[in-house]
Amino acid sequence: MRTSRLEAFSDGVLAIIITIMVLELHVPDGPRLADLADSATGFLTYVLSFVYIGIYWNNHHHMFQLVRRVNGTVLWANLHLLFWLSLYPFTTAWMDETDLARTPLVAYGLNLLAAALAYYLLQLAIFRAEGADGLLREAVGRDVKGKVSPLIYLAGTLAAWLAGWPALVFYAVVAAIWLVPDRRMESYVAEHGLTE
């Protein structure tokens, strides 16, 4: 079956996730610029989670430009990824509302890790559905970023448990790694004439 319905559904879910996150931001109590300080933690955690959703949306888009066939396993794997991403507003708000307490920071790290593993499982499901000659398998290659990210998430989760807020540094490092454009996928799509 074609990928268009899966992509449209995923785009809609990700848009809703971002909308829910922005609605969780607290408006300052006063009109002065100094009143923004009370909302600083919430804004920073929102930015981090927004960047993560943007990274997943971007990679999901590029991935499905290379996919020719999906099956039921791919559909369920995609839903599995969307489930973990849909928890971002909850774990983000929890961090904010508890002033970056240890347990919410650990939960956020585990949420990030679960989404990364779900994305990897989605890739594996696509590899299996497309067979040995699948374009995505060739384009992904060794996927160093995909293999290093879960290790940094684990380090961040451990840092959250031991020290609290410094875990955000680990979480931000993974976001920065993925924010640096990965020309591999775009080049592969363009090289094979798969652009829309």
Protein backbone atom coordinates (compact mmCIF):
# COMPACT_ATOMS: atom_id res chain seq x y z
CA MET A 1 0.00 0.00 0.00
CA ARG A 2 1.06 3.62 -0.55
CA THR A 3 2.51 5.82 2.17
CA SER A 4 0.39 8.96 1.67
CA ARG A 5 -2.22 8.21 4.36
CA LEU A 6 0.44 7.24 6.89
CA GLU A 7 2.34 10.48 6.19
CA ALA A 8 -0.77 12.68 6.40
CA PHE A 9 -1.86 11.08 9.67
CA SER A 10 1.63 11.43 11.16
CA ASP A 11 1.85 15.09 10.10
CA GLY A 12 -1.50 15.77 11.77
CA VAL A 13 -0.51 14.07 15.01
CA LEU A 14 2.79 15.95 15.18
CA ALA A 15 1.00 19.26 14.57
CA ILE A 16 -1.38 18.48 17.43
CA ILE A 17 1.52 17.58 19.72
CA ILE A 18 3.17 20.95 19.08
CA THR A 19 -0.15 22.74 19.64
CA ILE A 20 -0.67 20.98 22.96
CA MET A 21 2.85 21.87 24.08
CA VAL A 22 2.45 25.57 23.30
CA LEU A 23 -0.89 25.64 25.13
CA GLU A 24 0.92 24.32 28.23
CA LEU A 25 3.14 27.42 28.36
CA HIS A 26 2.28 29.70 31.25
CA VAL A 27 1.64 33.36 30.47
CA PRO A 28 3.51 35.71 32.82
CA ASP A 29 1.46 37.26 35.63
CA GLY A 30 2.53 40.82 34.89
CA PRO A 31 3.18 43.10 31.91
CA ARG A 32 6.88 43.75 32.57
CA LEU A 33 9.75 42.06 30.79
CA ALA A 34 11.03 40.91 34.18
CA ASP A 35 7.80 38.92 34.63
CA LEU A 36 9.00 36.58 31.86
CA ALA A 37 11.52 35.10 34.30
CA ASP A 38 8.74 33.04 35.88
CA SER A 39 8.09 31.42 32.49
CA ALA A 40 11.74 30.88 31.54
CA THR A 41 11.97 27.18 32.48
CA GLY A 42 8.73 26.39 30.69
CA PHE A 43 9.83 28.24 27.59
CA LEU A 44 13.24 26.53 27.47
CA THR A 45 11.78 23.04 27.94
CA TYR A 46 9.17 23.87 25.28
CA VAL A 47 11.92 24.92 22.85
CA LEU A 48 13.83 21.69 23.47
CA SER A 49 10.73 19.53 22.92
CA PHE A 50 9.68 21.59 19.88
CA VAL A 51 13.10 21.02 18.34
CA TYR A 52 12.77 17.29 18.98
CA ILE A 53 9.34 17.14 17.33
CA GLY A 54 10.75 19.13 14.41
CA ILE A 55 13.66 16.70 14.06
CA TYR A 56 11.32 13.70 14.03
CA TRP A 57 8.99 15.38 11.54
CA ASN A 58 11.90 16.24 9.23
CA ASN A 59 13.46 12.77 9.39
CA HIS A 60 10.06 11.07 9.03
CA HIS A 61 9.39 13.15 5.90
CA HIS A 62 12.72 12.26 4.33
CA MET A 63 12.41 8.62 5.30
CA PHE A 64 9.03 8.19 3.65
CA GLN A 65 10.23 9.79 0.42
CA LEU A 66 12.37 6.67 0.06
CA VAL A 67 9.72 4.14 1.06
CA ARG A 68 7.81 2.43 -1.74
CA ARG A 69 5.72 -0.03 0.26
CA VAL A 70 4.22 -0.22 3.71
CA ASN A 71 2.40 -3.05 5.42
CA GLY A 72 0.56 -3.53 8.68
CA THR A 73 3.77 -3.90 10.66
CA VAL A 74 5.02 -0.54 9.36
CA LEU A 75 1.69 1.08 10.25
CA TRP A 76 1.86 -0.25 13.82
CA ALA A 77 5.53 0.69 14.14
CA ASN A 78 4.62 4.22 13.04
CA LEU A 79 1.83 4.36 15.63
CA HIS A 80 4.31 3.13 18.25
CA LEU A 81 6.58 6.08 17.41
CA LEU A 82 3.66 8.53 17.52
CA PHE A 83 2.65 7.18 20.94
CA TRP A 84 6.01 8.05 22.48
CA LEU A 85 6.10 11.42 20.73
CA SER A 86 2.58 12.18 21.99
CA LEU A 87 3.93 11.93 25.55
CA TYR A 88 6.34 14.84 24.98
CA PRO A 89 3.76 17.46 26.07
CA PHE A 90 3.17 15.55 29.32
CA THR A 91 6.82 15.01 30.23
CA THR A 92 7.73 18.55 29.13
CA ALA A 93 4.98 20.09 31.29
CA TRP A 94 5.94 17.86 34.22
CA MET A 95 9.55 19.09 34.07
CA ASP A 96 8.36 22.69 33.95
CA GLU A 97 5.77 22.45 36.71
CA THR A 98 8.20 20.77 39.11
CA ASP A 99 11.12 23.16 38.43
CA LEU A 100 13.21 20.43 36.80
CA ALA A 101 12.87 17.94 39.63
CA ARG A 102 14.80 14.68 39.37
CA THR A 103 11.95 12.24 38.63
CA PRO A 104 10.39 14.33 35.81
CA LEU A 105 13.85 14.79 34.26
CA VAL A 106 14.38 11.03 34.35
CA ALA A 107 10.90 10.48 32.84
CA TYR A 108 11.69 12.97 30.06
CA GLY A 109 14.96 11.18 29.30
CA LEU A 110 13.19 7.82 29.18
CA ASN A 111 10.56 9.38 26.89
CA LEU A 112 13.30 10.63 24.56
CA LEU A 113 14.96 7.20 24.62
CA ALA A 114 11.67 5.37 23.94
CA ALA A 115 10.93 7.62 20.94
CA ALA A 116 14.43 7.02 19.54
CA LEU A 117 14.03 3.25 19.91
CA ALA A 118 10.56 3.43 18.33
CA TYR A 119 12.02 5.32 15.35
CA TYR A 120 14.68 2.62 14.99
CA LEU A 121 12.01 -0.10 15.11
CA LEU A 122 10.06 1.77 12.42
CA GLN A 123 13.15 1.75 10.24
CA LEU A 124 13.59 -1.99 10.80
CA ALA A 125 9.93 -2.61 9.91
CA ILE A 126 10.41 -0.66 6.68
CA PHE A 127 13.61 -2.57 5.89
CA ARG A 128 11.71 -5.83 6.31
CA ALA A 129 8.71 -4.66 4.25
CA GLU A 130 10.88 -3.44 1.37
CA GLY A 131 13.33 -6.31 1.33
CA ALA A 132 17.04 -6.32 0.62
CA ASP A 133 16.77 -3.88 -2.29
CA GLY A 134 15.00 -1.15 -0.30
CA LEU A 135 16.18 2.40 -0.91
CA LEU A 136 15.93 3.39 2.74
CA ARG A 137 18.33 0.66 3.86
CA GLU A 138 20.93 1.92 1.41
CA ALA A 139 20.38 5.59 2.31
CA VAL A 140 20.61 5.05 6.08
CA GLY A 141 23.95 3.30 5.86
CA ARG A 142 25.78 2.89 9.17
CA ASP A 143 23.53 5.43 10.96
CA VAL A 144 26.12 6.59 13.49
CA LYS A 145 23.81 9.31 14.89
CA GLY A 146 21.05 6.77 15.42
CA LYS A 147 23.37 4.48 17.36
CA VAL A 148 25.04 7.16 19.49
CA SER A 149 21.85 9.01 20.48
CA PRO A 150 20.39 6.29 22.77
CA LEU A 151 23.71 6.11 24.63
CA ILE A 152 23.64 9.87 25.26
CA TYR A 153 19.98 9.61 26.36
CA LEU A 154 20.99 6.93 28.87
CA ALA A 155 23.84 9.12 30.13
CA GLY A 156 21.41 12.03 30.44
CA THR A 157 18.90 9.91 32.32
CA LEU A 158 21.62 8.79 34.72
CA ALA A 159 22.72 12.42 35.12
CA ALA A 160 19.09 13.35 35.86
CA TRP A 161 18.94 10.70 38.57
CA LEU A 162 22.22 11.75 40.14
CA ALA A 163 22.35 15.51 39.62
CA GLY A 164 19.05 16.80 38.23
CA TRP A 165 19.07 19.65 35.73
CA PRO A 166 22.52 18.94 34.17
CA ALA A 167 20.72 16.13 32.33
CA LEU A 168 19.29 18.81 30.05
CA VAL A 169 22.79 19.31 28.65
CA PHE A 170 22.85 15.68 27.45
CA TYR A 171 19.34 16.00 26.01
CA ALA A 172 20.30 19.22 24.23
CA VAL A 173 23.47 17.63 22.82
CA VAL A 174 21.42 14.94 21.07
CA ALA A 175 19.10 17.60 19.65
CA ALA A 176 22.14 19.55 18.41
CA ILE A 177 23.58 16.43 16.78
CA TRP A 178 20.35 15.93 14.84
CA LEU A 179 19.87 19.63 14.08
CA VAL A 180 23.06 19.59 12.05
CA PRO A 181 21.63 18.74 8.63
CA ASP A 182 22.15 15.16 7.57
CA ARG A 183 22.73 15.64 3.87
CA ARG A 184 22.89 11.89 3.33
CA MET A 185 19.14 11.39 3.09
CA GLU A 186 18.46 14.56 1.07
CA SER A 187 21.29 13.74 -1.33
CA TYR A 188 20.02 10.20 -1.76
CA VAL A 189 16.46 11.41 -2.45
CA ALA A 190 17.68 13.96 -5.02
CA GLU A 191 20.12 11.52 -6.61
CA HIS A 192 17.36 9.00 -7.23
CA GLY A 193 14.85 11.58 -8.50
CA LEU A 194 12.41 10.98 -5.65
CA THR A 195 11.58 14.60 -4.82
CA GLU A 196 7.94 15.58 -4.86
